[in-house]
Amino acid sequence: MILSRLSDTLRQQRRASLDDLATALQAAPEALEAMLATLERKGRVRRLPAGSSCGKSCCACDPKRLQIYEWIEPSGSIS
């Protein structure tokens, strides 16, 4: 159930940090990392390189510590 909530949240936000996802889902970041790894293996999300932006303009996070994940739309889907 939480895997589907994680997918839905990331699909809606398009790009989010691990900390933002943990806050939104009220879950431990360590638990979400395992689920995100599963979604990454399935080709549904990708972890962006260190220093990538989450897409927000607040600049409150340390880019070196930030783990950003991005939802990947399946090819042939209509946005």
PDB file of N, CA and C in Angstrom:
ATOM      1  N   MET A   1       0.819  -1.188   0.000  1.00  0.00           N
ATOM      2  CA  MET A   1       0.000   0.000   0.000  1.00  0.00           C
ATOM      3  C   MET A   1       0.870   1.261   0.000  1.00  0.00           C
ATOM      4  N   ILE A   2       1.910   1.281   0.827  1.00  0.00           N
ATOM      5  CA  ILE A   2       2.740   2.473   0.866  1.00  0.00           C
ATOM      6  C   ILE A   2       3.512   2.640  -0.456  1.00  0.00           C
ATOM      7  N   LEU A   3       3.816   1.528  -1.133  1.00  0.00           N
ATOM      8  CA  LEU A   3       4.500   1.622  -2.428  1.00  0.00           C
ATOM      9  C   LEU A   3       3.618   2.347  -3.439  1.00  0.00           C
ATOM     10  N   SER A   4       2.329   2.074  -3.426  1.00  0.00           N
ATOM     11  CA  SER A   4       1.430   2.779  -4.345  1.00  0.00           C
ATOM     12  C   SER A   4       1.278   4.248  -3.949  1.00  0.00           C
ATOM     13  N   ARG A   5       1.255   4.544  -2.641  1.00  0.00           N
ATOM     14  CA  ARG A   5       1.202   5.944  -2.192  1.00  0.00           C
ATOM     15  C   ARG A   5       2.477   6.683  -2.570  1.00  0.00           C
ATOM     16  N   LEU A   6       3.610   6.003  -2.452  1.00  0.00           N
ATOM     17  CA  LEU A   6       4.883   6.594  -2.851  1.00  0.00           C
ATOM     18  C   LEU A   6       4.881   6.892  -4.345  1.00  0.00           C
ATOM     19  N   SER A   7       4.437   5.939  -5.139  1.00  0.00           N
ATOM     20  CA  SER A   7       4.353   6.131  -6.594  1.00  0.00           C
ATOM     21  C   SER A   7       3.442   7.300  -6.944  1.00  0.00           C
ATOM     22  N   ASP A   8       2.274   7.337  -6.325  1.00  0.00           N
ATOM     23  CA  ASP A   8       1.319   8.417  -6.600  1.00  0.00           C
ATOM     24  C   ASP A   8       1.894   9.779  -6.230  1.00  0.00           C
ATOM     25  N   THR A   9       2.542   9.856  -5.070  1.00  0.00           N
ATOM     26  CA  THR A   9       3.114  11.121  -4.614  1.00  0.00           C
ATOM     27  C   THR A   9       4.206  11.597  -5.561  1.00  0.00           C
ATOM     28  N   LEU A  10       5.096  10.698  -5.928  1.00  0.00           N
ATOM     29  CA  LEU A  10       6.190  11.091  -6.818  1.00  0.00           C
ATOM     30  C   LEU A  10       5.679  11.393  -8.225  1.00  0.00           C
ATOM     31  N   ARG A  11       4.681  10.678  -8.677  1.00  0.00           N
ATOM     32  CA  ARG A  11       4.089  10.953  -9.990  1.00  0.00           C
ATOM     33  C   ARG A  11       3.488  12.361 -10.020  1.00  0.00           C
ATOM     34  N   GLN A  12       2.823  12.754  -8.949  1.00  0.00           N
ATOM     35  CA  GLN A  12       2.214  14.081  -8.875  1.00  0.00           C
ATOM     36  C   GLN A  12       3.256  15.187  -8.775  1.00  0.00           C
ATOM     37  N   GLN A  13       4.303  14.959  -7.973  1.00  0.00           N
ATOM     38  CA  GLN A  13       5.313  15.992  -7.769  1.00  0.00           C
ATOM     39  C   GLN A  13       6.370  16.018  -8.869  1.00  0.00           C
ATOM     40  N   ARG A  14       6.470  14.935  -9.621  1.00  0.00           N
ATOM     41  CA  ARG A  14       7.442  14.770 -10.706  1.00  0.00           C
ATOM     42  C   ARG A  14       8.873  14.603 -10.211  1.00  0.00           C
ATOM     43  N   ARG A  15       9.281  15.385  -9.222  1.00  0.00           N
ATOM     44  CA  ARG A  15      10.637  15.338  -8.685  1.00  0.00           C
ATOM     45  C   ARG A  15      10.553  15.729  -7.221  1.00  0.00           C
ATOM     46  N   ALA A  16      11.200  14.936  -6.353  1.00  0.00           N
ATOM     47  CA  ALA A  16      11.146  15.226  -4.920  1.00  0.00           C
ATOM     48  C   ALA A  16      12.356  14.642  -4.220  1.00  0.00           C
ATOM     49  N   SER A  17      12.707  15.271  -3.109  1.00  0.00           N
ATOM     50  CA  SER A  17      13.811  14.754  -2.303  1.00  0.00           C
ATOM     51  C   SER A  17      13.296  13.617  -1.420  1.00  0.00           C
ATOM     52  N   LEU A  18      14.230  12.795  -0.987  1.00  0.00           N
ATOM     53  CA  LEU A  18      13.888  11.710  -0.082  1.00  0.00           C
ATOM     54  C   LEU A  18      13.258  12.268   1.193  1.00  0.00           C
ATOM     55  N   ASP A  19      13.805  13.358   1.713  1.00  0.00           N
ATOM     56  CA  ASP A  19      13.253  13.965   2.920  1.00  0.00           C
ATOM     57  C   ASP A  19      11.822  14.460   2.702  1.00  0.00           C
ATOM     58  N   ASP A  20      11.559  15.075   1.549  1.00  0.00           N
ATOM     59  CA  ASP A  20      10.198  15.550   1.255  1.00  0.00           C
ATOM     60  C   ASP A  20       9.223  14.381   1.147  1.00  0.00           C
ATOM     61  N   LEU A  21       9.656  13.304   0.515  1.00  0.00           N
ATOM     62  CA  LEU A  21       8.794  12.123   0.393  1.00  0.00           C
ATOM     63  C   LEU A  21       8.516  11.511   1.759  1.00  0.00           C
ATOM     64  N   ALA A  22       9.545  11.444   2.604  1.00  0.00           N
ATOM     65  CA  ALA A  22       9.376  10.881   3.944  1.00  0.00           C
ATOM     66  C   ALA A  22       8.381  11.710   4.753  1.00  0.00           C
ATOM     67  N   THR A  23       8.476  13.023   4.625  1.00  0.00           N
ATOM     68  CA  THR A  23       7.546  13.901   5.335  1.00  0.00           C
ATOM     69  C   THR A  23       6.122  13.728   4.806  1.00  0.00           C
ATOM     70  N   ALA A  24       5.975  13.713   3.496  1.00  0.00           N
ATOM     71  CA  ALA A  24       4.648  13.596   2.891  1.00  0.00           C
ATOM     72  C   ALA A  24       3.966  12.277   3.243  1.00  0.00           C
ATOM     73  N   LEU A  25       4.750  11.209   3.328  1.00  0.00           N
ATOM     74  CA  LEU A  25       4.179   9.882   3.585  1.00  0.00           C
ATOM     75  C   LEU A  25       4.265   9.476   5.054  1.00  0.00           C
ATOM     76  N   GLN A  26       4.842  10.338   5.878  1.00  0.00           N
ATOM     77  CA  GLN A  26       5.034  10.041   7.297  1.00  0.00           C
ATOM     78  C   GLN A  26       5.703   8.679   7.467  1.00  0.00           C
ATOM     79  N   ALA A  27       6.836   8.530   6.781  1.00  0.00           N
ATOM     80  CA  ALA A  27       7.573   7.269   6.796  1.00  0.00           C
ATOM     81  C   ALA A  27       9.056   7.553   6.999  1.00  0.00           C
ATOM     82  N   ALA A  28       9.769   6.558   7.456  1.00  0.00           N
ATOM     83  CA  ALA A  28      11.209   6.693   7.657  1.00  0.00           C
ATOM     84  C   ALA A  28      11.912   6.727   6.295  1.00  0.00           C
ATOM     85  N   PRO A  29      12.857   7.638   6.124  1.00  0.00           N
ATOM     86  CA  PRO A  29      13.587   7.701   4.855  1.00  0.00           C
ATOM     87  C   PRO A  29      14.238   6.363   4.483  1.00  0.00           C
ATOM     88  N   GLU A  30      14.729   5.632   5.474  1.00  0.00           N
ATOM     89  CA  GLU A  30      15.369   4.343   5.204  1.00  0.00           C
ATOM     90  C   GLU A  30      14.388   3.353   4.579  1.00  0.00           C
ATOM     91  N   ALA A  31      13.143   3.374   5.027  1.00  0.00           N
ATOM     92  CA  ALA A  31      12.127   2.482   4.466  1.00  0.00           C
ATOM     93  C   ALA A  31      11.803   2.877   3.030  1.00  0.00           C
ATOM     94  N   LEU A  32      11.740   4.172   2.784  1.00  0.00           N
ATOM     95  CA  LEU A  32      11.426   4.646   1.432  1.00  0.00           C
ATOM     96  C   LEU A  32      12.556   4.355   0.455  1.00  0.00           C
ATOM     97  N   GLU A  33      13.801   4.390   0.925  1.00  0.00           N
ATOM     98  CA  GLU A  33      14.929   4.106   0.036  1.00  0.00           C
ATOM     99  C   GLU A  33      14.805   2.724  -0.593  1.00  0.00           C
ATOM    100  N   ALA A  34      14.391   1.738   0.191  1.00  0.00           N
ATOM    101  CA  ALA A  34      14.226   0.388  -0.336  1.00  0.00           C
ATOM    102  C   ALA A  34      13.117   0.343  -1.394  1.00  0.00           C
ATOM    103  N   MET A  35      12.032   1.053  -1.127  1.00  0.00           N
ATOM    104  CA  MET A  35      10.923   1.088  -2.088  1.00  0.00           C
ATOM    105  C   MET A  35      11.320   1.842  -3.356  1.00  0.00           C
ATOM    106  N   LEU A  36      12.050   2.925  -3.184  1.00  0.00           N
ATOM    107  CA  LEU A  36      12.515   3.698  -4.344  1.00  0.00           C
ATOM    108  C   LEU A  36      13.487   2.870  -5.182  1.00  0.00           C
ATOM    109  N   ALA A  37      14.300   2.049  -4.530  1.00  0.00           N
ATOM    110  CA  ALA A  37      15.216   1.169  -5.269  1.00  0.00           C
ATOM    111  C   ALA A  37      14.419   0.169  -6.107  1.00  0.00           C
ATOM    112  N   THR A  38      13.323  -0.327  -5.557  1.00  0.00           N
ATOM    113  CA  THR A  38      12.457  -1.245  -6.308  1.00  0.00           C
ATOM    114  C   THR A  38      11.854  -0.541  -7.522  1.00  0.00           C
ATOM    115  N   LEU A  39      11.347   0.672  -7.317  1.00  0.00           N
ATOM    116  CA  LEU A  39      10.762   1.432  -8.428  1.00  0.00           C
ATOM    117  C   LEU A  39      11.828   1.802  -9.469  1.00  0.00           C
ATOM    118  N   GLU A  40      13.045   2.023  -9.002  1.00  0.00           N
ATOM    119  CA  GLU A  40      14.139   2.339  -9.924  1.00  0.00           C
ATOM    120  C   GLU A  40      14.486   1.123 -10.780  1.00  0.00           C
ATOM    121  N   ARG A  41      14.537  -0.052 -10.170  1.00  0.00           N
ATOM    122  CA  ARG A  41      14.805  -1.282 -10.930  1.00  0.00           C
ATOM    123  C   ARG A  41      13.726  -1.531 -11.974  1.00  0.00           C
ATOM    124  N   LYS A  42      12.485  -1.151 -11.665  1.00  0.00           N
ATOM    125  CA  LYS A  42      11.372  -1.339 -12.597  1.00  0.00           C
ATOM    126  C   LYS A  42      11.320  -0.250 -13.663  1.00  0.00           C
ATOM    127  N   GLY A  43      12.208   0.751 -13.551  1.00  0.00           N
ATOM    128  CA  GLY A  43      12.252   1.814 -14.550  1.00  0.00           C
ATOM    129  C   GLY A  43      11.186   2.883 -14.364  1.00  0.00           C
ATOM    130  N   ARG A  44      10.637   2.999 -13.162  1.00  0.00           N
ATOM    131  CA  ARG A  44       9.585   3.999 -12.917  1.00  0.00           C
ATOM    132  C   ARG A  44      10.109   5.286 -12.317  1.00  0.00           C
ATOM    133  N   VAL A  45      11.244   5.208 -11.623  1.00  0.00           N
ATOM    134  CA  VAL A  45      11.870   6.406 -11.071  1.00  0.00           C
ATOM    135  C   VAL A  45      13.366   6.342 -11.352  1.00  0.00           C
ATOM    136  N   ARG A  46      14.000   7.498 -11.240  1.00  0.00           N
ATOM    137  CA  ARG A  46      15.458   7.530 -11.313  1.00  0.00           C
ATOM    138  C   ARG A  46      15.968   8.460 -10.225  1.00  0.00           C
ATOM    139  N   ARG A  47      17.101   8.060  -9.679  1.00  0.00           N
ATOM    140  CA  ARG A  47      17.766   8.912  -8.692  1.00  0.00           C
ATOM    141  C   ARG A  47      18.678   9.851  -9.463  1.00  0.00           C
ATOM    142  N   LEU A  48      18.520  11.129  -9.211  1.00  0.00           N
ATOM    143  CA  LEU A  48      19.298  12.123  -9.928  1.00  0.00           C
ATOM    144  C   LEU A  48      20.673  12.277  -9.284  1.00  0.00           C
ATOM    145  N   PRO A  49      21.649  12.716 -10.065  1.00  0.00           N
ATOM    146  CA  PRO A  49      23.007  12.879  -9.526  1.00  0.00           C
ATOM    147  C   PRO A  49      23.058  13.889  -8.390  1.00  0.00           C
ATOM    148  N   ALA A  50      24.049  13.728  -7.531  1.00  0.00           N
ATOM    149  CA  ALA A  50      24.236  14.662  -6.406  1.00  0.00           C
ATOM    150  C   ALA A  50      24.360  16.073  -6.946  1.00  0.00           C
ATOM    151  N   GLY A  51      23.756  17.005  -6.247  1.00  0.00           N
ATOM    152  CA  GLY A  51      23.792  18.401  -6.669  1.00  0.00           C
ATOM    153  C   GLY A  51      22.628  18.804  -7.547  1.00  0.00           C
ATOM    154  N   SER A  52      21.759  17.843  -7.907  1.00  0.00           N
ATOM    155  CA  SER A  52      20.580  18.154  -8.714  1.00  0.00           C
ATOM    156  C   SER A  52      19.571  18.930  -7.879  1.00  0.00           C
ATOM    157  N   SER A  53      18.768  19.709  -8.547  1.00  0.00           N
ATOM    158  CA  SER A  53      17.747  20.504  -7.871  1.00  0.00           C
ATOM    159  C   SER A  53      16.464  19.700  -7.732  1.00  0.00           C
ATOM    160  N   CYS A  54      15.771  19.940  -6.624  1.00  0.00           N
ATOM    161  CA  CYS A  54      14.478  19.269  -6.422  1.00  0.00           C
ATOM    162  C   CYS A  54      13.372  19.972  -7.191  1.00  0.00           C
ATOM    163  N   GLY A  55      13.680  21.148  -7.750  1.00  0.00           N
ATOM    164  CA  GLY A  55      12.678  21.877  -8.504  1.00  0.00           C
ATOM    165  C   GLY A  55      12.027  22.994  -7.717  1.00  0.00           C
ATOM    166  N   LYS A  56      12.348  23.085  -6.427  1.00  0.00           N
ATOM    167  CA  LYS A  56      11.819  24.164  -5.592  1.00  0.00           C
ATOM    168  C   LYS A  56      12.844  25.294  -5.578  1.00  0.00           C
ATOM    169  N   SER A  57      12.417  26.461  -5.222  1.00  0.00           N
ATOM    170  CA  SER A  57      13.325  27.607  -5.250  1.00  0.00           C
ATOM    171  C   SER A  57      13.802  28.036  -3.870  1.00  0.00           C
ATOM    172  N   CYS A  58      13.552  27.238  -2.845  1.00  0.00           N
ATOM    173  CA  CYS A  58      13.889  27.669  -1.489  1.00  0.00           C
ATOM    174  C   CYS A  58      15.381  27.597  -1.178  1.00  0.00           C
ATOM    175  N   CYS A  59      16.113  26.679  -1.805  1.00  0.00           N
ATOM    176  CA  CYS A  59      17.557  26.514  -1.579  1.00  0.00           C
ATOM    177  C   CYS A  59      17.895  26.260  -0.115  1.00  0.00           C
ATOM    178  N   ALA A  60      16.998  25.643   0.631  1.00  0.00           N
ATOM    179  CA  ALA A  60      17.206  25.417   2.053  1.00  0.00           C
ATOM    180  C   ALA A  60      18.001  24.144   2.351  1.00  0.00           C
ATOM    181  N   CYS A  61      18.156  23.276   1.379  1.00  0.00           N
ATOM    182  CA  CYS A  61      18.808  21.991   1.613  1.00  0.00           C
ATOM    183  C   CYS A  61      20.255  22.013   1.126  1.00  0.00           C
ATOM    184  N   ASP A  62      21.065  21.201   1.762  1.00  0.00           N
ATOM    185  CA  ASP A  62      22.449  21.028   1.346  1.00  0.00           C
ATOM    186  C   ASP A  62      22.461  20.110   0.121  1.00  0.00           C
ATOM    187  N   PRO A  63      22.842  20.617  -1.062  1.00  0.00           N
ATOM    188  CA  PRO A  63      22.796  19.806  -2.280  1.00  0.00           C
ATOM    189  C   PRO A  63      23.654  18.550  -2.212  1.00  0.00           C
ATOM    190  N   LYS A  64      24.701  18.566  -1.409  1.00  0.00           N
ATOM    191  CA  LYS A  64      25.565  17.388  -1.305  1.00  0.00           C
ATOM    192  C   LYS A  64      24.892  16.262  -0.534  1.00  0.00           C
ATOM    193  N   ARG A  65      23.948  16.609   0.326  1.00  0.00           N
ATOM    194  CA  ARG A  65      23.260  15.616   1.153  1.00  0.00           C
ATOM    195  C   ARG A  65      21.919  15.192   0.562  1.00  0.00           C
ATOM    196  N   LEU A  66      21.462  15.938  -0.402  1.00  0.00           N
ATOM    197  CA  LEU A  66      20.136  15.748  -0.964  1.00  0.00           C
ATOM    198  C   LEU A  66      20.068  14.543  -1.899  1.00  0.00           C
ATOM    199  N   GLN A  67      19.061  13.722  -1.710  1.00  0.00           N
ATOM    200  CA  GLN A  67      18.782  12.614  -2.621  1.00  0.00           C
ATOM    201  C   GLN A  67      17.498  12.969  -3.357  1.00  0.00           C
ATOM    202  N   ILE A  68      17.603  13.211  -4.651  1.00  0.00           N
ATOM    203  CA  ILE A  68      16.447  13.612  -5.449  1.00  0.00           C
ATOM    204  C   ILE A  68      16.032  12.444  -6.345  1.00  0.00           C
ATOM    205  N   TYR A  69      14.738  12.195  -6.386  1.00  0.00           N
ATOM    206  CA  TYR A  69      14.170  11.154  -7.242  1.00  0.00           C
ATOM    207  C   TYR A  69      13.197  11.798  -8.204  1.00  0.00           C
ATOM    208  N   GLU A  70      13.156  11.261  -9.418  1.00  0.00           N
ATOM    209  CA  GLU A  70      12.294  11.800 -10.467  1.00  0.00           C
ATOM    210  C   GLU A  70      11.443  10.680 -11.039  1.00  0.00           C
ATOM    211  N   TRP A  71      10.161  10.967 -11.222  1.00  0.00           N
ATOM    212  CA  TRP A  71       9.226  10.011 -11.817  1.00  0.00           C
ATOM    213  C   TRP A  71       9.493   9.933 -13.310  1.00  0.00           C
ATOM    214  N   ILE A  72       9.459   8.740 -13.853  1.00  0.00           N
ATOM    215  CA  ILE A  72       9.664   8.529 -15.281  1.00  0.00           C
ATOM    216  C   ILE A  72       8.339   8.088 -15.883  1.00  0.00           C
ATOM    217  N   GLU A  73       7.838   8.877 -16.826  1.00  0.00           N
ATOM    218  CA  GLU A  73       6.598   8.489 -17.504  1.00  0.00           C
ATOM    219  C   GLU A  73       6.914   7.371 -18.504  1.00  0.00           C
ATOM    220  N   PRO A  74       6.094   6.341 -18.533  1.00  0.00           N
ATOM    221  CA  PRO A  74       6.303   5.283 -19.520  1.00  0.00           C
ATOM    222  C   PRO A  74       6.215   5.844 -20.931  1.00  0.00           C
ATOM    223  N   SER A  75       7.034   5.327 -21.823  1.00  0.00           N
ATOM    224  CA  SER A  75       6.979   5.815 -23.210  1.00  0.00           C
ATOM    225  C   SER A  75       5.620   5.482 -23.814  1.00  0.00           C
ATOM    226  N   GLY A  76       5.119   6.412 -24.571  1.00  0.00           N
ATOM    227  CA  GLY A  76       3.818   6.233 -25.222  1.00  0.00           C
ATOM    228  C   GLY A  76       2.657   6.699 -24.378  1.00  0.00           C
ATOM    229  N   SER A  77       2.932   7.202 -23.169  1.00  0.00           N
ATOM    230  CA  SER A  77       1.833   7.685 -22.333  1.00  0.00           C
ATOM    231  C   SER A  77       1.520   9.132 -22.686  1.00  0.00           C
ATOM    232  N   ILE A  78       0.309   9.505 -22.425  1.00  0.00           N
ATOM    233  CA  ILE A  78      -0.146  10.874 -22.693  1.00  0.00           C
ATOM    234  C   ILE A  78      -0.163  11.623 -21.372  1.00  0.00           C
ATOM    235  N   SER A  79       0.474  12.779 -21.308  1.00  0.00           N
ATOM    236  CA  SER A  79       0.523  13.578 -20.065  1.00  0.00           C
ATOM    237  C   SER A  79      -0.760  14.333 -19.882  1.00  0.00           C
TER     238      SER A  79
END
